[in-house]
PDB file of N, CA and C in Angstrom:
ATOM      1  N   UNK A   1       2.102 -10.243  -6.180  1.00  0.00           N
ATOM      2  CA  UNK A   1       2.961  -9.849  -7.053  1.00  0.00           C
ATOM      3  C   UNK A   1       3.660  -8.167  -6.396  1.00  0.00           C
ATOM      4  N   UNK A   2       4.892  -8.473  -7.034  1.00  0.00           N
ATOM      5  CA  UNK A   2       5.601  -7.008  -6.423  1.00  0.00           C
ATOM      6  C   UNK A   2       5.396  -5.518  -6.888  1.00  0.00           C
ATOM      7  N   UNK A   3       5.017  -4.717  -5.834  1.00  0.00           N
ATOM      8  CA  UNK A   3       4.494  -3.295  -5.953  1.00  0.00           C
ATOM      9  C   UNK A   3       5.988  -2.392  -5.939  1.00  0.00           C
ATOM     10  N   UNK A   4       5.736  -1.533  -6.841  1.00  0.00           N
ATOM     11  CA  UNK A   4       6.635  -0.809  -6.843  1.00  0.00           C
ATOM     12  C   UNK A   4       7.004   0.729  -6.706  1.00  0.00           C
ATOM     13  N   UNK A   5       7.702   1.162  -6.294  1.00  0.00           N
ATOM     14  CA  UNK A   5       7.681   3.022  -5.873  1.00  0.00           C
ATOM     15  C   UNK A   5       6.899   3.634  -7.162  1.00  0.00           C
ATOM     16  N   UNK A   6       5.806   4.535  -6.136  1.00  0.00           N
ATOM     17  CA  UNK A   6       4.887   5.324  -7.485  1.00  0.00           C
ATOM     18  C   UNK A   6       3.638   4.357  -7.841  1.00  0.00           C
ATOM     19  N   UNK A   7       3.747   3.325  -7.076  1.00  0.00           N
ATOM     20  CA  UNK A   7       2.286   2.459  -7.505  1.00  0.00           C
ATOM     21  C   UNK A   7       1.263   3.116  -6.901  1.00  0.00           C
ATOM     22  N   UNK A   8      -0.042   2.947  -7.428  1.00  0.00           N
ATOM     23  CA  UNK A   8      -1.421   3.784  -6.399  1.00  0.00           C
ATOM     24  C   UNK A   8      -1.761   2.472  -6.122  1.00  0.00           C
ATOM     25  N   UNK A   9      -1.937   2.196  -4.824  1.00  0.00           N
ATOM     26  CA  UNK A   9      -3.083   1.227  -4.596  1.00  0.00           C
ATOM     27  C   UNK A   9      -3.875   1.167  -2.929  1.00  0.00           C
ATOM     28  N   UNK A  10      -4.750   0.196  -3.283  1.00  0.00           N
ATOM     29  CA  UNK A  10      -5.529   0.217  -2.065  1.00  0.00           C
ATOM     30  C   UNK A  10      -4.968  -0.470  -0.844  1.00  0.00           C
ATOM     31  N   UNK A  11      -5.363  -0.105   0.154  1.00  0.00           N
ATOM     32  CA  UNK A  11      -4.806  -0.853   1.509  1.00  0.00           C
ATOM     33  C   UNK A  11      -6.087  -1.178   2.827  1.00  0.00           C
ATOM     34  N   UNK A  12      -5.590  -2.140   3.563  1.00  0.00           N
ATOM     35  CA  UNK A  12      -6.107  -1.625   5.035  1.00  0.00           C
ATOM     36  C   UNK A  12      -5.301  -1.632   5.973  1.00  0.00           C
ATOM     37  N   UNK A  13      -5.206  -0.953   6.798  1.00  0.00           N
ATOM     38  CA  UNK A  13      -4.492  -0.445   8.013  1.00  0.00           C
ATOM     39  C   UNK A  13      -5.143  -0.868   9.383  1.00  0.00           C
ATOM     40  N   UNK A  14      -6.505  -1.831   9.588  1.00  0.00           N
ATOM     41  CA  UNK A  14      -6.601  -2.233  10.625  1.00  0.00           C
ATOM     42  C   UNK A  14      -7.973  -1.443  11.446  1.00  0.00           C
ATOM     43  N   UNK A  15      -8.006  -0.196  10.384  1.00  0.00           N
ATOM     44  CA  UNK A  15      -9.115   0.404  10.653  1.00  0.00           C
ATOM     45  C   UNK A  15     -10.398   0.152   9.297  1.00  0.00           C
ATOM     46  N   UNK A  16     -11.721   0.621  10.324  1.00  0.00           N
ATOM     47  CA  UNK A  16     -12.589   0.110   9.001  1.00  0.00           C
ATOM     48  C   UNK A  16     -12.475   0.861   7.722  1.00  0.00           C
ATOM     49  N   UNK A  17     -12.689  -0.185   6.667  1.00  0.00           N
ATOM     50  CA  UNK A  17     -12.678   0.529   5.249  1.00  0.00           C
ATOM     51  C   UNK A  17     -11.527   0.431   4.533  1.00  0.00           C
ATOM     52  N   UNK A  18     -11.369   0.976   3.344  1.00  0.00           N
ATOM     53  CA  UNK A  18     -10.119   0.677   1.974  1.00  0.00           C
ATOM     54  C   UNK A  18      -9.734   2.242   2.323  1.00  0.00           C
ATOM     55  N   UNK A  19      -8.150   1.994   2.450  1.00  0.00           N
ATOM     56  CA  UNK A  19      -7.572   3.519   2.044  1.00  0.00           C
ATOM     57  C   UNK A  19      -6.788   3.565   0.486  1.00  0.00           C
ATOM     58  N   UNK A  20      -6.625   4.701   0.065  1.00  0.00           N
ATOM     59  CA  UNK A  20      -5.952   4.626  -1.176  1.00  0.00           C
ATOM     60  C   UNK A  20      -4.493   5.362  -0.689  1.00  0.00           C
ATOM     61  N   UNK A  21      -3.541   5.039  -1.663  1.00  0.00           N
ATOM     62  CA  UNK A  21      -2.183   5.484  -1.813  1.00  0.00           C
ATOM     63  C   UNK A  21      -1.506   4.991  -2.654  1.00  0.00           C
ATOM     64  N   UNK A  22      -0.222   6.523  -2.787  1.00  0.00           N
ATOM     65  CA  UNK A  22       1.021   6.018  -3.189  1.00  0.00           C
ATOM     66  C   UNK A  22       2.011   5.647  -2.570  1.00  0.00           C
ATOM     67  N   UNK A  23       2.537   4.469  -3.118  1.00  0.00           N
ATOM     68  CA  UNK A  23       3.745   3.900  -2.656  1.00  0.00           C
ATOM     69  C   UNK A  23       5.112   4.730  -2.516  1.00  0.00           C
ATOM     70  N   UNK A  24       5.724   5.333  -1.324  1.00  0.00           N
ATOM     71  CA  UNK A  24       6.864   6.332  -1.479  1.00  0.00           C
ATOM     72  C   UNK A  24       7.821   5.261  -1.071  1.00  0.00           C
ATOM     73  N   UNK A  25       8.148   4.253  -0.838  1.00  0.00           N
ATOM     74  CA  UNK A  25       9.051   3.503  -0.456  1.00  0.00           C
ATOM     75  C   UNK A  25       8.909   2.265  -0.190  1.00  0.00           C
ATOM     76  N   UNK A  26       9.892   0.959  -0.451  1.00  0.00           N
ATOM     77  CA  UNK A  26       9.620  -0.014  -0.909  1.00  0.00           C
ATOM     78  C   UNK A  26      10.874  -0.895   0.266  1.00  0.00           C
ATOM     79  N   UNK A  27      10.709  -1.532   1.151  1.00  0.00           N
ATOM     80  CA  UNK A  27      11.524  -2.216   2.132  1.00  0.00           C
ATOM     81  C   UNK A  27      11.238  -3.607   2.216  1.00  0.00           C
ATOM     82  N   UNK A  28      13.146  -4.175   2.465  1.00  0.00           N
ATOM     83  CA  UNK A  28      13.074  -5.620   2.187  1.00  0.00           C
ATOM     84  C   UNK A  28      12.188  -6.179   0.997  1.00  0.00           C
ATOM     85  N   UNK A  29      12.436  -5.882  -0.293  1.00  0.00           N
ATOM     86  CA  UNK A  29      11.747  -6.505  -1.019  1.00  0.00           C
ATOM     87  C   UNK A  29      11.500  -7.820  -1.118  1.00  0.00           C
ATOM     88  N   UNK A  30      10.861  -8.897  -1.541  1.00  0.00           N
ATOM     89  CA  UNK A  30      10.282 -10.135  -1.671  1.00  0.00           C
ATOM     90  C   UNK A  30       9.054 -10.380  -0.841  1.00  0.00           C
ATOM     91  N   UNK A  31       9.028 -11.800  -0.574  1.00  0.00           N
ATOM     92  CA  UNK A  31       7.687 -12.053   0.434  1.00  0.00           C
ATOM     93  C   UNK A  31       7.282 -11.461   1.621  1.00  0.00           C
ATOM     94  N   UNK A  32       8.509 -10.770   2.129  1.00  0.00           N
ATOM     95  CA  UNK A  32       8.376 -10.093   3.619  1.00  0.00           C
ATOM     96  C   UNK A  32       8.584  -8.440   3.251  1.00  0.00           C
ATOM     97  N   UNK A  33       7.965  -7.625   1.890  1.00  0.00           N
ATOM     98  CA  UNK A  33       7.920  -6.640   1.819  1.00  0.00           C
ATOM     99  C   UNK A  33       7.295  -5.599   2.582  1.00  0.00           C
ATOM    100  N   UNK A  34       7.615  -4.456   2.942  1.00  0.00           N
ATOM    101  CA  UNK A  34       7.082  -3.660   3.766  1.00  0.00           C
ATOM    102  C   UNK A  34       6.996  -2.379   2.436  1.00  0.00           C
ATOM    103  N   UNK A  35       5.840  -1.370   2.705  1.00  0.00           N
ATOM    104  CA  UNK A  35       5.796   0.032   2.056  1.00  0.00           C
ATOM    105  C   UNK A  35       5.081   0.597   2.825  1.00  0.00           C
ATOM    106  N   UNK A  36       6.122   1.734   2.320  1.00  0.00           N
ATOM    107  CA  UNK A  36       5.780   3.106   2.934  1.00  0.00           C
ATOM    108  C   UNK A  36       4.698   3.876   1.977  1.00  0.00           C
ATOM    109  N   UNK A  37       3.230   4.025   2.667  1.00  0.00           N
ATOM    110  CA  UNK A  37       2.338   4.723   1.909  1.00  0.00           C
ATOM    111  C   UNK A  37       1.692   6.112   2.291  1.00  0.00           C
ATOM    112  N   UNK A  38       1.702   6.761   1.298  1.00  0.00           N
ATOM    113  CA  UNK A  38       1.027   8.258   1.239  1.00  0.00           C
ATOM    114  C   UNK A  38      -0.340   8.043   1.143  1.00  0.00           C
ATOM    115  N   UNK A  39      -1.414   8.676   2.243  1.00  0.00           N
ATOM    116  CA  UNK A  39      -2.460   8.256   1.729  1.00  0.00           C
ATOM    117  C   UNK A  39      -3.286   9.338   0.978  1.00  0.00           C
ATOM    118  N   UNK A  40      -3.957   9.491  -0.174  1.00  0.00           N
ATOM    119  CA  UNK A  40      -4.374  10.165  -1.177  1.00  0.00           C
ATOM    120  C   UNK A  40      -4.890  11.113  -0.597  1.00  0.00           C
ATOM    121  N   UNK A  41      -5.625  10.936   0.245  1.00  0.00           N
ATOM    122  CA  UNK A  41      -7.108  11.482   1.311  1.00  0.00           C
ATOM    123  C   UNK A  41      -6.363  12.652   1.995  1.00  0.00           C
ATOM    124  N   UNK A  42      -5.489  11.675   2.978  1.00  0.00           N
ATOM    125  CA  UNK A  42      -5.309  12.934   4.465  1.00  0.00           C
ATOM    126  C   UNK A  42      -4.000  13.154   4.130  1.00  0.00           C
ATOM    127  N   UNK A  43      -3.138  12.327   3.561  1.00  0.00           N
ATOM    128  CA  UNK A  43      -1.963  13.109   3.131  1.00  0.00           C
ATOM    129  C   UNK A  43      -0.670  12.407   4.520  1.00  0.00           C
ATOM    130  N   UNK A  44      -1.173  11.195   5.117  1.00  0.00           N
ATOM    131  CA  UNK A  44      -0.362  10.485   5.948  1.00  0.00           C
ATOM    132  C   UNK A  44       0.386   9.412   5.566  1.00  0.00           C
ATOM    133  N   UNK A  45       1.479   9.298   6.565  1.00  0.00           N
ATOM    134  CA  UNK A  45       1.806   8.021   5.978  1.00  0.00           C
ATOM    135  C   UNK A  45       1.824   6.853   7.045  1.00  0.00           C
ATOM    136  N   UNK A  46       1.499   5.639   5.908  1.00  0.00           N
ATOM    137  CA  UNK A  46       1.334   4.685   6.663  1.00  0.00           C
ATOM    138  C   UNK A  46       2.367   3.523   6.364  1.00  0.00           C
ATOM    139  N   UNK A  47       2.909   2.368   7.349  1.00  0.00           N
ATOM    140  CA  UNK A  47       3.774   1.588   6.610  1.00  0.00           C
ATOM    141  C   UNK A  47       2.857   0.458   6.903  1.00  0.00           C
ATOM    142  N   UNK A  48       2.573  -0.605   5.445  1.00  0.00           N
ATOM    143  CA  UNK A  48       2.033  -1.601   5.682  1.00  0.00           C
ATOM    144  C   UNK A  48       2.632  -2.874   4.919  1.00  0.00           C
ATOM    145  N   UNK A  49       2.212  -4.089   5.434  1.00  0.00           N
ATOM    146  CA  UNK A  49       2.732  -5.215   4.435  1.00  0.00           C
ATOM    147  C   UNK A  49       2.146  -5.530   3.047  1.00  0.00           C
ATOM    148  N   UNK A  50       2.896  -6.566   2.622  1.00  0.00           N
ATOM    149  CA  UNK A  50       2.049  -6.923   1.204  1.00  0.00           C
ATOM    150  C   UNK A  50       0.677  -7.230   1.593  1.00  0.00           C
ATOM    151  N   UNK A  51       0.350  -7.939   2.799  1.00  0.00           N
ATOM    152  CA  UNK A  51      -0.746  -8.895   2.691  1.00  0.00           C
ATOM    153  C   UNK A  51      -1.902  -7.694   3.286  1.00  0.00           C
ATOM    154  N   UNK A  52      -1.508  -6.361   3.401  1.00  0.00           N
ATOM    155  CA  UNK A  52      -2.408  -5.277   3.203  1.00  0.00           C
ATOM    156  C   UNK A  52      -2.551  -4.204   2.236  1.00  0.00           C
ATOM    157  N   UNK A  53      -2.115  -4.709   1.319  1.00  0.00           N
ATOM    158  CA  UNK A  53      -2.292  -4.177  -0.044  1.00  0.00           C
ATOM    159  C   UNK A  53      -3.969  -4.900  -0.621  1.00  0.00           C
ATOM    160  N   UNK A  54      -4.950  -4.226  -1.067  1.00  0.00           N
ATOM    161  CA  UNK A  54      -5.813  -4.969  -1.830  1.00  0.00           C
ATOM    162  C   UNK A  54      -5.527  -5.477  -3.029  1.00  0.00           C
ATOM    163  N   UNK A  55      -5.549  -6.738  -3.508  1.00  0.00           N
ATOM    164  CA  UNK A  55      -5.097  -6.979  -4.992  1.00  0.00           C
ATOM    165  C   UNK A  55      -6.356  -6.740  -5.678  1.00  0.00           C
ATOM    166  N   UNK A  56      -5.769  -6.727  -7.158  1.00  0.00           N
ATOM    167  CA  UNK A  56      -6.794  -6.630  -8.340  1.00  0.00           C
ATOM    168  C   UNK A  56      -7.326  -5.560  -8.635  1.00  0.00           C
ATOM    169  N   UNK A  57      -8.947  -5.618  -9.102  1.00  0.00           N
ATOM    170  CA  UNK A  57      -9.325  -4.126  -9.658  1.00  0.00           C
ATOM    171  C   UNK A  57      -9.622  -3.235  -8.852  1.00  0.00           C
ATOM    172  N   UNK A  58      -9.936  -3.918  -7.323  1.00  0.00           N
ATOM    173  CA  UNK A  58     -10.010  -2.901  -6.740  1.00  0.00           C
ATOM    174  C   UNK A  58      -9.274  -2.299  -5.708  1.00  0.00           C
ATOM    175  N   UNK A  59      -8.252  -2.605  -5.830  1.00  0.00           N
ATOM    176  CA  UNK A  59      -7.118  -1.915  -5.712  1.00  0.00           C
ATOM    177  C   UNK A  59      -6.032  -1.601  -6.701  1.00  0.00           C
ATOM    178  N   UNK A  60      -6.259  -1.745  -7.963  1.00  0.00           N
ATOM    179  CA  UNK A  60      -5.256  -1.497  -8.855  1.00  0.00           C
ATOM    180  C   UNK A  60      -3.946  -2.050  -8.461  1.00  0.00           C
ATOM    181  N   UNK A  61      -4.188  -3.261  -7.880  1.00  0.00           N
ATOM    182  CA  UNK A  61      -2.526  -3.820  -7.339  1.00  0.00           C
ATOM    183  C   UNK A  61      -2.745  -5.324  -8.128  1.00  0.00           C
TER     184      UNK A  61
END
């Protein structure tokens, strides 16, 4: 599923648990998309792949 700028999603970044954030930038749209996400709780920026975004109701994605 393609995600777009300003979508709110849940994601996994290698640390325990799931994080929530807003997509600020989409790079390389398509099957190898990379997303720049600003964490809702900490305001930190993470770059994640589409595989790291949690699909469905848990992730709103």
